[in-house]
Amino acid sequence: VILKDCATNSFTVPLTIRKPLTIRSADEARTIVPFSTACFTIADGGSLTVSNLTISGYVGSRLFSVLGGSLTLSNGATLSNLMGLGVSDDDGGGDECGAIRLTRGTVTMLPGSAIQNCRVSTEGGGLGGGLAAIGGTLNLFGGSITGCSAGGKGGGIWNFGATVNLAGDIQILGNVNETGSDDNLYMARSTA
């Protein structure tokens, strides 16, 4: 999907992705505003690549739920000012994340991508202001996660069982937890 000559900068329908899909702006970087709970669900067999596009300003639930497929944030992909409220949805998630929830499958951040100023705020403590990883594989190969906050733990990333691969120049800084303390990457221990 190439965003060019669109009449609107917003979308209202949740999408379940079961095949390969790339969303990018055709020319200059473009900003869109989502209006839906768990706007993109990437299911088994699906893959989504986002590039040259800013998705910003949604208050409700996470933007991406990765349930067996893969999500790649490529050069120019920016997720900003997203806020999760701990709303339960189809994957049974509730408290986790402002932008991305990885349950199984793969999330990859590449150079030039960013998650910024995202937060989760719930009673009892939201987990993972930018990203919550429950399982699967998290590849952090570049980009940045900055200015995110969580009502609980993991202002930038909350990890509870995902394999995390770090390489290249990834910056995870300036993220805070419920007390306002630095909390860029919280590694919880899985009991499974």
N, C-alpha and C. Protein backbone atom coordinates (compact mmCIF):
# COMPACT_ATOMS: atom_id res chain seq x y z
N VAL A 1 0.86 -1.16 0.00
CA VAL A 1 0.00 0.00 0.00
C VAL A 1 0.91 1.22 0.00
N ILE A 2 0.73 2.08 -0.96
CA ILE A 2 1.48 3.31 -1.03
C ILE A 2 0.51 4.45 -0.77
N LEU A 3 0.83 5.26 0.23
CA LEU A 3 -0.05 6.38 0.57
C LEU A 3 0.29 7.56 -0.32
N LYS A 4 -0.58 7.80 -1.29
CA LYS A 4 -0.41 8.92 -2.21
C LYS A 4 -1.79 9.34 -2.66
N ASP A 5 -2.03 10.63 -2.66
CA ASP A 5 -3.31 11.18 -3.10
C ASP A 5 -4.48 10.62 -2.32
N CYS A 6 -4.27 10.33 -1.02
CA CYS A 6 -5.36 9.86 -0.18
C CYS A 6 -6.19 11.06 0.27
N ALA A 7 -7.49 10.88 0.35
CA ALA A 7 -8.38 11.97 0.75
C ALA A 7 -8.31 12.24 2.25
N THR A 8 -7.81 11.30 3.01
CA THR A 8 -7.77 11.45 4.46
C THR A 8 -6.43 11.02 5.01
N ASN A 9 -6.11 11.47 6.19
CA ASN A 9 -4.90 11.06 6.87
C ASN A 9 -5.21 10.15 8.05
N SER A 10 -6.40 9.57 8.07
CA SER A 10 -6.77 8.70 9.17
C SER A 10 -7.46 7.45 8.65
N PHE A 11 -7.51 6.42 9.50
CA PHE A 11 -8.22 5.20 9.15
C PHE A 11 -8.98 4.74 10.38
N THR A 12 -10.07 3.99 10.16
CA THR A 12 -10.94 3.63 11.27
C THR A 12 -11.19 2.15 11.43
N VAL A 13 -10.71 1.32 10.54
CA VAL A 13 -11.03 -0.10 10.58
C VAL A 13 -9.81 -0.90 11.02
N PRO A 14 -9.93 -1.75 12.06
CA PRO A 14 -8.81 -2.63 12.42
C PRO A 14 -8.49 -3.58 11.28
N LEU A 15 -7.22 -3.85 11.06
CA LEU A 15 -6.79 -4.73 9.98
C LEU A 15 -6.06 -5.94 10.54
N THR A 16 -6.42 -7.14 10.06
CA THR A 16 -5.66 -8.34 10.38
C THR A 16 -4.87 -8.69 9.15
N ILE A 17 -3.56 -8.78 9.31
CA ILE A 17 -2.65 -9.02 8.19
C ILE A 17 -2.23 -10.48 8.21
N ARG A 18 -2.52 -11.18 7.12
CA ARG A 18 -2.20 -12.60 7.00
C ARG A 18 -1.26 -12.90 5.83
N LYS A 19 -0.86 -11.87 5.09
CA LYS A 19 0.05 -11.99 3.95
C LYS A 19 1.05 -10.85 4.03
N PRO A 20 2.10 -10.88 3.21
CA PRO A 20 3.07 -9.78 3.22
C PRO A 20 2.44 -8.46 2.77
N LEU A 21 2.74 -7.38 3.50
CA LEU A 21 2.22 -6.06 3.19
C LEU A 21 3.25 -5.02 3.59
N THR A 22 3.45 -4.02 2.72
CA THR A 22 4.30 -2.88 3.02
C THR A 22 3.46 -1.62 2.95
N ILE A 23 3.59 -0.77 3.97
CA ILE A 23 2.90 0.51 3.97
C ILE A 23 3.97 1.59 4.02
N ARG A 24 3.94 2.48 3.03
CA ARG A 24 4.91 3.56 2.98
C ARG A 24 4.31 4.75 2.25
N SER A 25 4.90 5.89 2.48
CA SER A 25 4.50 7.09 1.76
C SER A 25 5.18 7.08 0.40
N ALA A 26 4.48 7.53 -0.63
CA ALA A 26 5.02 7.49 -1.98
C ALA A 26 6.14 8.50 -2.19
N ASP A 27 6.06 9.63 -1.52
CA ASP A 27 7.09 10.64 -1.73
C ASP A 27 7.60 11.14 -0.38
N GLU A 28 7.20 12.31 0.06
CA GLU A 28 7.67 12.82 1.34
C GLU A 28 7.03 12.04 2.48
N ALA A 29 7.69 12.08 3.62
CA ALA A 29 7.14 11.39 4.80
C ALA A 29 5.75 11.94 5.10
N ARG A 30 4.86 11.09 5.49
CA ARG A 30 3.47 11.46 5.73
C ARG A 30 3.08 11.02 7.14
N THR A 31 2.13 11.72 7.76
CA THR A 31 1.64 11.37 9.09
C THR A 31 0.19 10.93 8.98
N ILE A 32 -0.14 9.81 9.60
CA ILE A 32 -1.54 9.37 9.68
C ILE A 32 -1.90 9.16 11.14
N VAL A 33 -3.20 9.27 11.43
CA VAL A 33 -3.71 9.12 12.79
C VAL A 33 -4.71 7.96 12.82
N PRO A 34 -4.44 6.92 13.59
CA PRO A 34 -5.38 5.80 13.69
C PRO A 34 -6.51 6.09 14.69
N PHE A 35 -7.67 5.48 14.46
CA PHE A 35 -8.82 5.63 15.35
C PHE A 35 -9.44 4.27 15.64
N SER A 36 -8.70 3.33 16.16
CA SER A 36 -9.23 1.99 16.33
C SER A 36 -8.42 1.23 17.37
N THR A 37 -9.01 0.25 18.01
CA THR A 37 -8.32 -0.58 18.99
C THR A 37 -7.48 -1.63 18.27
N ALA A 38 -6.23 -1.78 18.69
CA ALA A 38 -5.31 -2.73 18.06
C ALA A 38 -5.45 -2.65 16.55
N CYS A 39 -5.11 -1.52 16.01
CA CYS A 39 -5.34 -1.21 14.60
C CYS A 39 -4.82 -2.28 13.65
N PHE A 40 -3.61 -2.77 13.87
CA PHE A 40 -3.02 -3.79 13.01
C PHE A 40 -2.73 -5.02 13.84
N THR A 41 -3.31 -6.15 13.47
CA THR A 41 -2.96 -7.43 14.06
C THR A 41 -2.22 -8.21 13.00
N ILE A 42 -0.99 -8.61 13.27
CA ILE A 42 -0.20 -9.38 12.33
C ILE A 42 -0.27 -10.82 12.78
N ALA A 43 -0.99 -11.63 12.01
CA ALA A 43 -1.26 -13.02 12.37
C ALA A 43 -0.25 -13.95 11.70
N ASP A 44 -0.35 -15.25 12.02
CA ASP A 44 0.51 -16.25 11.39
C ASP A 44 0.46 -16.09 9.88
N GLY A 45 1.65 -16.11 9.25
CA GLY A 45 1.73 -15.99 7.80
C GLY A 45 1.76 -14.56 7.30
N GLY A 46 1.48 -13.61 8.18
CA GLY A 46 1.47 -12.20 7.78
C GLY A 46 2.77 -11.50 8.09
N SER A 47 3.07 -10.49 7.31
CA SER A 47 4.21 -9.63 7.61
C SER A 47 3.85 -8.21 7.20
N LEU A 48 4.28 -7.26 8.00
CA LEU A 48 4.03 -5.85 7.73
C LEU A 48 5.33 -5.10 7.86
N THR A 49 5.66 -4.33 6.81
CA THR A 49 6.80 -3.43 6.84
C THR A 49 6.27 -2.01 6.73
N VAL A 50 6.71 -1.15 7.62
CA VAL A 50 6.32 0.26 7.60
C VAL A 50 7.57 1.08 7.34
N SER A 51 7.49 2.00 6.34
CA SER A 51 8.64 2.87 6.06
C SER A 51 8.16 4.24 5.60
N ASN A 52 8.98 5.25 5.86
CA ASN A 52 8.72 6.62 5.42
C ASN A 52 7.32 7.10 5.81
N LEU A 53 6.92 6.79 7.04
CA LEU A 53 5.57 7.10 7.49
C LEU A 53 5.56 7.30 9.01
N THR A 54 4.85 8.33 9.47
CA THR A 54 4.66 8.55 10.90
C THR A 54 3.22 8.21 11.24
N ILE A 55 3.05 7.39 12.27
CA ILE A 55 1.72 7.07 12.79
C ILE A 55 1.68 7.67 14.19
N SER A 56 0.74 8.60 14.41
CA SER A 56 0.81 9.43 15.61
C SER A 56 -0.56 9.73 16.19
N GLY A 57 -0.58 9.93 17.50
CA GLY A 57 -1.69 10.58 18.17
C GLY A 57 -2.90 9.76 18.52
N TYR A 58 -2.76 8.46 18.72
CA TYR A 58 -3.93 7.65 19.06
C TYR A 58 -3.95 7.35 20.55
N VAL A 59 -5.11 7.50 21.18
CA VAL A 59 -5.31 7.15 22.57
C VAL A 59 -6.34 6.04 22.62
N GLY A 60 -5.99 4.88 23.17
CA GLY A 60 -6.96 3.79 23.25
C GLY A 60 -6.30 2.49 23.60
N SER A 61 -5.75 1.80 22.64
CA SER A 61 -5.05 0.55 22.84
C SER A 61 -3.84 0.56 21.94
N ARG A 62 -3.08 -0.51 21.97
CA ARG A 62 -1.86 -0.56 21.18
C ARG A 62 -2.15 -0.41 19.70
N LEU A 63 -1.15 0.01 18.95
CA LEU A 63 -1.29 0.16 17.51
C LEU A 63 -1.08 -1.17 16.80
N PHE A 64 -0.06 -1.94 17.21
CA PHE A 64 0.26 -3.22 16.58
C PHE A 64 0.21 -4.35 17.59
N SER A 65 -0.45 -5.46 17.22
CA SER A 65 -0.39 -6.71 17.96
C SER A 65 0.22 -7.75 17.04
N VAL A 66 1.36 -8.29 17.42
CA VAL A 66 2.04 -9.29 16.60
C VAL A 66 1.75 -10.65 17.20
N LEU A 67 0.97 -11.45 16.46
CA LEU A 67 0.49 -12.75 16.95
C LEU A 67 0.95 -13.89 16.06
N GLY A 68 2.22 -13.91 15.70
CA GLY A 68 2.74 -15.01 14.91
C GLY A 68 3.38 -14.58 13.61
N GLY A 69 3.08 -13.40 13.14
CA GLY A 69 3.70 -12.87 11.93
C GLY A 69 4.91 -12.03 12.27
N SER A 70 5.21 -11.09 11.38
CA SER A 70 6.37 -10.22 11.63
C SER A 70 6.03 -8.77 11.31
N LEU A 71 6.61 -7.88 12.10
CA LEU A 71 6.49 -6.44 11.92
C LEU A 71 7.90 -5.88 11.80
N THR A 72 8.14 -5.09 10.74
CA THR A 72 9.43 -4.43 10.55
C THR A 72 9.21 -2.94 10.45
N LEU A 73 9.89 -2.20 11.33
CA LEU A 73 9.91 -0.74 11.25
C LEU A 73 11.20 -0.38 10.52
N SER A 74 11.04 0.15 9.31
CA SER A 74 12.16 0.44 8.44
C SER A 74 12.49 1.92 8.45
N ASN A 75 13.41 2.36 7.61
CA ASN A 75 13.84 3.75 7.56
C ASN A 75 12.65 4.70 7.40
N GLY A 76 12.57 5.68 8.29
CA GLY A 76 11.49 6.68 8.22
C GLY A 76 10.21 6.28 8.90
N ALA A 77 10.13 5.07 9.46
CA ALA A 77 8.93 4.65 10.20
C ALA A 77 9.01 5.22 11.61
N THR A 78 8.00 6.01 11.99
CA THR A 78 7.96 6.60 13.32
C THR A 78 6.60 6.36 13.95
N LEU A 79 6.60 5.81 15.16
CA LEU A 79 5.39 5.64 15.95
C LEU A 79 5.50 6.64 17.09
N SER A 80 4.57 7.60 17.16
CA SER A 80 4.71 8.64 18.17
C SER A 80 3.38 9.00 18.81
N ASN A 81 3.47 9.45 20.06
CA ASN A 81 2.32 9.96 20.81
C ASN A 81 1.15 8.98 20.84
N LEU A 82 1.44 7.70 21.00
CA LEU A 82 0.42 6.67 21.10
C LEU A 82 0.25 6.31 22.57
N MET A 83 -1.00 6.06 22.99
CA MET A 83 -1.25 5.77 24.39
C MET A 83 -2.18 4.58 24.56
N GLY A 84 -1.70 3.55 25.24
CA GLY A 84 -2.52 2.40 25.59
C GLY A 84 -3.18 2.62 26.93
N LEU A 85 -4.44 2.21 27.03
CA LEU A 85 -5.20 2.40 28.27
C LEU A 85 -5.49 1.10 28.99
N GLY A 86 -4.86 0.01 28.57
CA GLY A 86 -5.11 -1.27 29.22
C GLY A 86 -6.42 -1.89 28.81
N VAL A 87 -6.87 -1.63 27.60
CA VAL A 87 -8.13 -2.18 27.10
C VAL A 87 -7.89 -3.59 26.60
N SER A 88 -8.70 -4.55 27.05
CA SER A 88 -8.57 -5.92 26.57
C SER A 88 -9.02 -6.00 25.12
N ASP A 89 -8.37 -6.89 24.37
CA ASP A 89 -8.76 -7.08 22.98
C ASP A 89 -8.68 -8.55 22.61
N ASP A 90 -8.75 -8.87 21.32
CA ASP A 90 -8.87 -10.24 20.85
C ASP A 90 -7.74 -11.16 21.27
N ASP A 91 -6.53 -10.61 21.49
CA ASP A 91 -5.43 -11.50 21.85
C ASP A 91 -5.31 -11.69 23.36
N GLY A 92 -6.28 -11.18 24.10
CA GLY A 92 -6.27 -11.37 25.54
C GLY A 92 -5.36 -10.42 26.29
N GLY A 93 -4.70 -9.52 25.54
CA GLY A 93 -3.81 -8.55 26.17
C GLY A 93 -4.61 -7.48 26.87
N GLY A 94 -4.02 -6.87 27.83
CA GLY A 94 -4.72 -5.82 28.52
C GLY A 94 -3.81 -4.68 28.88
N ASP A 95 -2.96 -4.90 29.86
CA ASP A 95 -2.20 -3.81 30.44
C ASP A 95 -1.02 -3.36 29.59
N GLU A 96 -0.62 -4.14 28.61
CA GLU A 96 0.66 -3.91 27.98
C GLU A 96 0.63 -2.94 26.82
N CYS A 97 1.56 -2.04 26.83
CA CYS A 97 2.12 -1.24 25.76
C CYS A 97 1.31 -0.09 25.19
N GLY A 98 2.09 0.89 24.79
CA GLY A 98 1.52 2.03 24.11
C GLY A 98 1.55 1.88 22.60
N ALA A 99 2.52 1.16 22.04
CA ALA A 99 2.66 1.08 20.59
C ALA A 99 2.58 -0.36 20.05
N ILE A 100 3.43 -1.26 20.54
CA ILE A 100 3.54 -2.61 19.96
C ILE A 100 3.47 -3.66 21.07
N ARG A 101 2.67 -4.71 20.83
CA ARG A 101 2.67 -5.88 21.72
C ARG A 101 3.08 -7.09 20.90
N LEU A 102 4.20 -7.70 21.27
CA LEU A 102 4.71 -8.89 20.61
C LEU A 102 4.37 -10.09 21.48
N THR A 103 3.46 -10.95 21.00
CA THR A 103 3.08 -12.15 21.73
C THR A 103 3.86 -13.35 21.20
N ARG A 104 3.90 -13.49 19.89
CA ARG A 104 4.73 -14.50 19.21
C ARG A 104 4.97 -13.99 17.81
N GLY A 105 6.04 -14.44 17.19
CA GLY A 105 6.44 -13.89 15.91
C GLY A 105 7.67 -13.02 16.10
N THR A 106 7.83 -12.01 15.24
CA THR A 106 9.05 -11.20 15.24
C THR A 106 8.74 -9.72 15.05
N VAL A 107 9.40 -8.89 15.83
CA VAL A 107 9.40 -7.44 15.61
C VAL A 107 10.84 -7.03 15.37
N THR A 108 11.08 -6.26 14.30
CA THR A 108 12.42 -5.79 13.95
C THR A 108 12.42 -4.28 13.78
N MET A 109 13.34 -3.61 14.46
CA MET A 109 13.57 -2.18 14.26
C MET A 109 14.88 -2.03 13.51
N LEU A 110 14.84 -1.27 12.40
CA LEU A 110 16.01 -1.04 11.56
C LEU A 110 16.46 0.42 11.69
N PRO A 111 17.68 0.74 11.22
CA PRO A 111 18.15 2.12 11.28
C PRO A 111 17.15 3.09 10.65
N GLY A 112 16.98 4.23 11.30
CA GLY A 112 16.08 5.26 10.80
C GLY A 112 14.65 5.13 11.29
N SER A 113 14.37 4.12 12.11
CA SER A 113 13.02 3.95 12.66
C SER A 113 12.99 4.51 14.09
N ALA A 114 11.77 4.83 14.57
CA ALA A 114 11.67 5.41 15.91
C ALA A 114 10.33 5.09 16.55
N ILE A 115 10.37 4.88 17.86
CA ILE A 115 9.19 4.84 18.72
C ILE A 115 9.43 5.95 19.74
N GLN A 116 8.52 6.94 19.77
CA GLN A 116 8.79 8.09 20.63
C GLN A 116 7.52 8.61 21.29
N ASN A 117 7.69 9.02 22.55
CA ASN A 117 6.61 9.65 23.32
C ASN A 117 5.34 8.80 23.39
N CYS A 118 5.50 7.50 23.46
CA CYS A 118 4.36 6.59 23.62
C CYS A 118 4.24 6.24 25.09
N ARG A 119 3.03 5.88 25.52
CA ARG A 119 2.87 5.55 26.94
C ARG A 119 1.71 4.59 27.14
N VAL A 120 1.77 3.93 28.26
CA VAL A 120 0.66 3.11 28.71
C VAL A 120 0.38 3.51 30.15
N SER A 121 -0.88 3.74 30.44
CA SER A 121 -1.26 4.23 31.76
C SER A 121 -2.50 3.48 32.21
N THR A 122 -2.33 2.56 33.16
CA THR A 122 -3.46 1.80 33.68
C THR A 122 -3.37 1.72 35.18
N GLU A 123 -4.51 1.52 35.82
CA GLU A 123 -4.50 1.26 37.25
C GLU A 123 -3.78 -0.06 37.48
N GLY A 124 -2.92 -0.08 38.44
CA GLY A 124 -2.15 -1.30 38.70
C GLY A 124 -0.87 -1.34 37.89
N GLY A 125 -0.68 -0.40 36.98
CA GLY A 125 0.59 -0.30 36.28
C GLY A 125 0.59 -0.90 34.90
N GLY A 126 0.64 -0.07 33.89
CA GLY A 126 0.80 -0.54 32.51
C GLY A 126 2.25 -0.96 32.30
N LEU A 127 2.48 -1.83 31.36
CA LEU A 127 3.80 -2.39 31.12
C LEU A 127 4.24 -2.11 29.69
N GLY A 128 5.42 -1.52 29.53
CA GLY A 128 5.96 -1.29 28.20
C GLY A 128 5.38 -0.08 27.50
N GLY A 129 5.87 1.11 27.83
CA GLY A 129 5.35 2.32 27.20
C GLY A 129 5.50 2.31 25.69
N GLY A 130 6.65 1.87 25.20
CA GLY A 130 6.87 1.78 23.75
C GLY A 130 6.53 0.41 23.21
N LEU A 131 6.97 -0.63 23.91
CA LEU A 131 6.84 -1.98 23.38
C LEU A 131 6.77 -2.98 24.52
N ALA A 132 5.86 -3.94 24.43
CA ALA A 132 5.78 -5.04 25.38
C ALA A 132 6.01 -6.34 24.62
N ALA A 133 6.98 -7.13 25.06
CA ALA A 133 7.32 -8.40 24.41
C ALA A 133 7.00 -9.54 25.36
N ILE A 134 5.97 -10.31 25.02
CA ILE A 134 5.53 -11.42 25.86
C ILE A 134 6.21 -12.71 25.42
N GLY A 135 6.52 -12.81 24.15
CA GLY A 135 7.17 -13.98 23.58
C GLY A 135 7.69 -13.60 22.20
N GLY A 136 8.17 -14.58 21.45
CA GLY A 136 8.67 -14.31 20.10
C GLY A 136 10.09 -13.78 20.12
N THR A 137 10.44 -13.05 19.05
CA THR A 137 11.80 -12.53 18.89
C THR A 137 11.75 -11.03 18.63
N LEU A 138 12.54 -10.28 19.36
CA LEU A 138 12.64 -8.84 19.20
C LEU A 138 14.04 -8.52 18.69
N ASN A 139 14.12 -8.04 17.43
CA ASN A 139 15.39 -7.68 16.81
C ASN A 139 15.54 -6.16 16.85
N LEU A 140 16.51 -5.68 17.61
CA LEU A 140 16.77 -4.25 17.69
C LEU A 140 18.09 -4.00 16.96
N PHE A 141 17.98 -3.68 15.67
CA PHE A 141 19.14 -3.53 14.80
C PHE A 141 19.42 -2.07 14.44
N GLY A 142 18.66 -1.15 14.99
CA GLY A 142 18.86 0.26 14.72
C GLY A 142 17.64 1.04 15.15
N GLY A 143 17.72 2.37 15.01
CA GLY A 143 16.60 3.22 15.37
C GLY A 143 16.66 3.65 16.81
N SER A 144 15.51 4.12 17.32
CA SER A 144 15.48 4.64 18.68
C SER A 144 14.12 4.45 19.34
N ILE A 145 14.16 4.31 20.66
CA ILE A 145 12.96 4.29 21.50
C ILE A 145 13.22 5.33 22.58
N THR A 146 12.51 6.46 22.51
CA THR A 146 12.80 7.59 23.40
C THR A 146 11.52 8.25 23.90
N GLY A 147 11.61 8.81 25.10
CA GLY A 147 10.53 9.62 25.65
C GLY A 147 9.26 8.87 25.99
N CYS A 148 9.33 7.55 26.11
CA CYS A 148 8.15 6.73 26.41
C CYS A 148 8.00 6.55 27.92
N SER A 149 6.79 6.21 28.37
CA SER A 149 6.56 6.01 29.80
C SER A 149 5.53 4.92 30.03
N ALA A 150 5.63 4.30 31.21
CA ALA A 150 4.70 3.23 31.59
C ALA A 150 4.16 3.50 32.98
N GLY A 151 2.87 3.21 33.17
CA GLY A 151 2.26 3.32 34.49
C GLY A 151 2.78 2.26 35.42
N GLY A 152 3.45 1.25 34.90
CA GLY A 152 4.07 0.19 35.69
C GLY A 152 5.56 0.14 35.40
N LYS A 153 6.01 -0.90 34.73
CA LYS A 153 7.44 -1.08 34.46
C LYS A 153 7.71 -1.04 32.96
N GLY A 154 8.98 -0.76 32.63
CA GLY A 154 9.40 -0.79 31.23
C GLY A 154 8.94 0.41 30.44
N GLY A 155 9.40 1.59 30.79
CA GLY A 155 9.01 2.79 30.07
C GLY A 155 9.27 2.68 28.58
N GLY A 156 10.43 2.14 28.20
CA GLY A 156 10.75 1.93 26.78
C GLY A 156 10.28 0.57 26.30
N ILE A 157 10.82 -0.49 26.92
CA ILE A 157 10.48 -1.87 26.56
C ILE A 157 10.26 -2.67 27.84
N TRP A 158 9.20 -3.47 27.85
CA TRP A 158 8.97 -4.44 28.91
C TRP A 158 9.04 -5.80 28.26
N ASN A 159 9.98 -6.65 28.71
CA ASN A 159 10.17 -7.97 28.10
C ASN A 159 9.87 -9.06 29.13
N PHE A 160 8.97 -9.96 28.74
CA PHE A 160 8.61 -11.08 29.61
C PHE A 160 8.65 -12.37 28.79
N GLY A 161 9.82 -12.72 28.28
CA GLY A 161 9.95 -14.01 27.63
C GLY A 161 10.35 -13.98 26.16
N ALA A 162 10.48 -12.82 25.54
CA ALA A 162 10.93 -12.77 24.15
C ALA A 162 12.45 -12.91 24.10
N THR A 163 12.95 -13.45 23.00
CA THR A 163 14.38 -13.43 22.73
C THR A 163 14.70 -12.06 22.17
N VAL A 164 15.69 -11.38 22.74
CA VAL A 164 16.06 -10.03 22.30
C VAL A 164 17.44 -10.09 21.65
N ASN A 165 17.51 -9.64 20.38
CA ASN A 165 18.77 -9.56 19.65
C ASN A 165 19.12 -8.10 19.44
N LEU A 166 20.32 -7.70 19.87
CA LEU A 166 20.80 -6.33 19.72
C LEU A 166 21.97 -6.29 18.77
N ALA A 167 21.94 -5.36 17.82
CA ALA A 167 23.06 -5.17 16.89
C ALA A 167 22.95 -3.77 16.30
N GLY A 168 24.06 -3.25 15.84
CA GLY A 168 24.02 -1.93 15.22
C GLY A 168 23.85 -0.82 16.24
N ASP A 169 23.31 0.30 15.79
CA ASP A 169 23.17 1.50 16.63
C ASP A 169 21.71 1.68 17.02
N ILE A 170 21.32 1.09 18.15
CA ILE A 170 19.97 1.24 18.69
C ILE A 170 20.07 2.12 19.93
N GLN A 171 19.23 3.13 20.00
CA GLN A 171 19.22 4.01 21.16
C GLN A 171 17.91 3.84 21.92
N ILE A 172 18.02 3.43 23.19
CA ILE A 172 16.85 3.29 24.05
C ILE A 172 17.15 4.16 25.27
N LEU A 173 16.59 5.36 25.29
CA LEU A 173 16.95 6.30 26.35
C LEU A 173 15.84 7.31 26.59
N GLY A 174 15.87 7.89 27.81
CA GLY A 174 14.90 8.90 28.16
C GLY A 174 13.50 8.36 28.42
N ASN A 175 13.40 7.08 28.74
CA ASN A 175 12.11 6.43 29.03
C ASN A 175 11.98 6.25 30.54
N VAL A 176 10.75 6.36 31.06
CA VAL A 176 10.56 6.31 32.51
C VAL A 176 9.42 5.38 32.91
N ASN A 177 9.44 4.98 34.21
CA ASN A 177 8.37 4.14 34.77
C ASN A 177 7.43 5.00 35.60
N GLU A 178 6.56 4.32 36.38
CA GLU A 178 5.52 5.01 37.16
C GLU A 178 6.07 5.99 38.19
N THR A 179 7.30 5.81 38.64
CA THR A 179 7.88 6.71 39.63
C THR A 179 8.66 7.86 38.99
N GLY A 180 8.77 7.83 37.66
CA GLY A 180 9.56 8.84 36.96
C GLY A 180 11.03 8.49 36.86
N SER A 181 11.38 7.28 37.32
CA SER A 181 12.77 6.81 37.25
C SER A 181 13.09 6.28 35.86
N ASP A 182 14.36 6.37 35.47
CA ASP A 182 14.79 5.80 34.19
C ASP A 182 14.41 4.33 34.14
N ASP A 183 13.80 3.91 33.05
CA ASP A 183 13.37 2.52 32.89
C ASP A 183 13.29 2.23 31.39
N ASN A 184 14.46 2.13 30.78
CA ASN A 184 14.53 1.98 29.33
C ASN A 184 14.19 0.57 28.85
N LEU A 185 14.71 -0.44 29.54
CA LEU A 185 14.47 -1.84 29.17
C LEU A 185 14.30 -2.65 30.45
N TYR A 186 13.09 -3.19 30.65
CA TYR A 186 12.82 -4.00 31.84
C TYR A 186 12.73 -5.45 31.40
N MET A 187 13.61 -6.28 31.94
CA MET A 187 13.63 -7.70 31.60
C MET A 187 13.02 -8.48 32.75
N ALA A 188 11.76 -8.86 32.61
CA ALA A 188 11.08 -9.68 33.61
C ALA A 188 11.47 -11.13 33.39
N ARG A 189 11.34 -11.94 34.40
CA ARG A 189 11.68 -13.35 34.27
C ARG A 189 10.42 -14.16 34.05
N SER A 190 10.39 -14.91 32.99
CA SER A 190 9.23 -15.75 32.68
C SER A 190 9.18 -16.92 33.64
N THR A 191 7.96 -17.26 34.10
CA THR A 191 7.80 -18.42 34.99
C THR A 191 7.38 -19.65 34.24
N ALA A 192 7.25 -19.54 32.92
CA ALA A 192 6.81 -20.69 32.11
C ALA A 192 7.92 -21.66 31.90
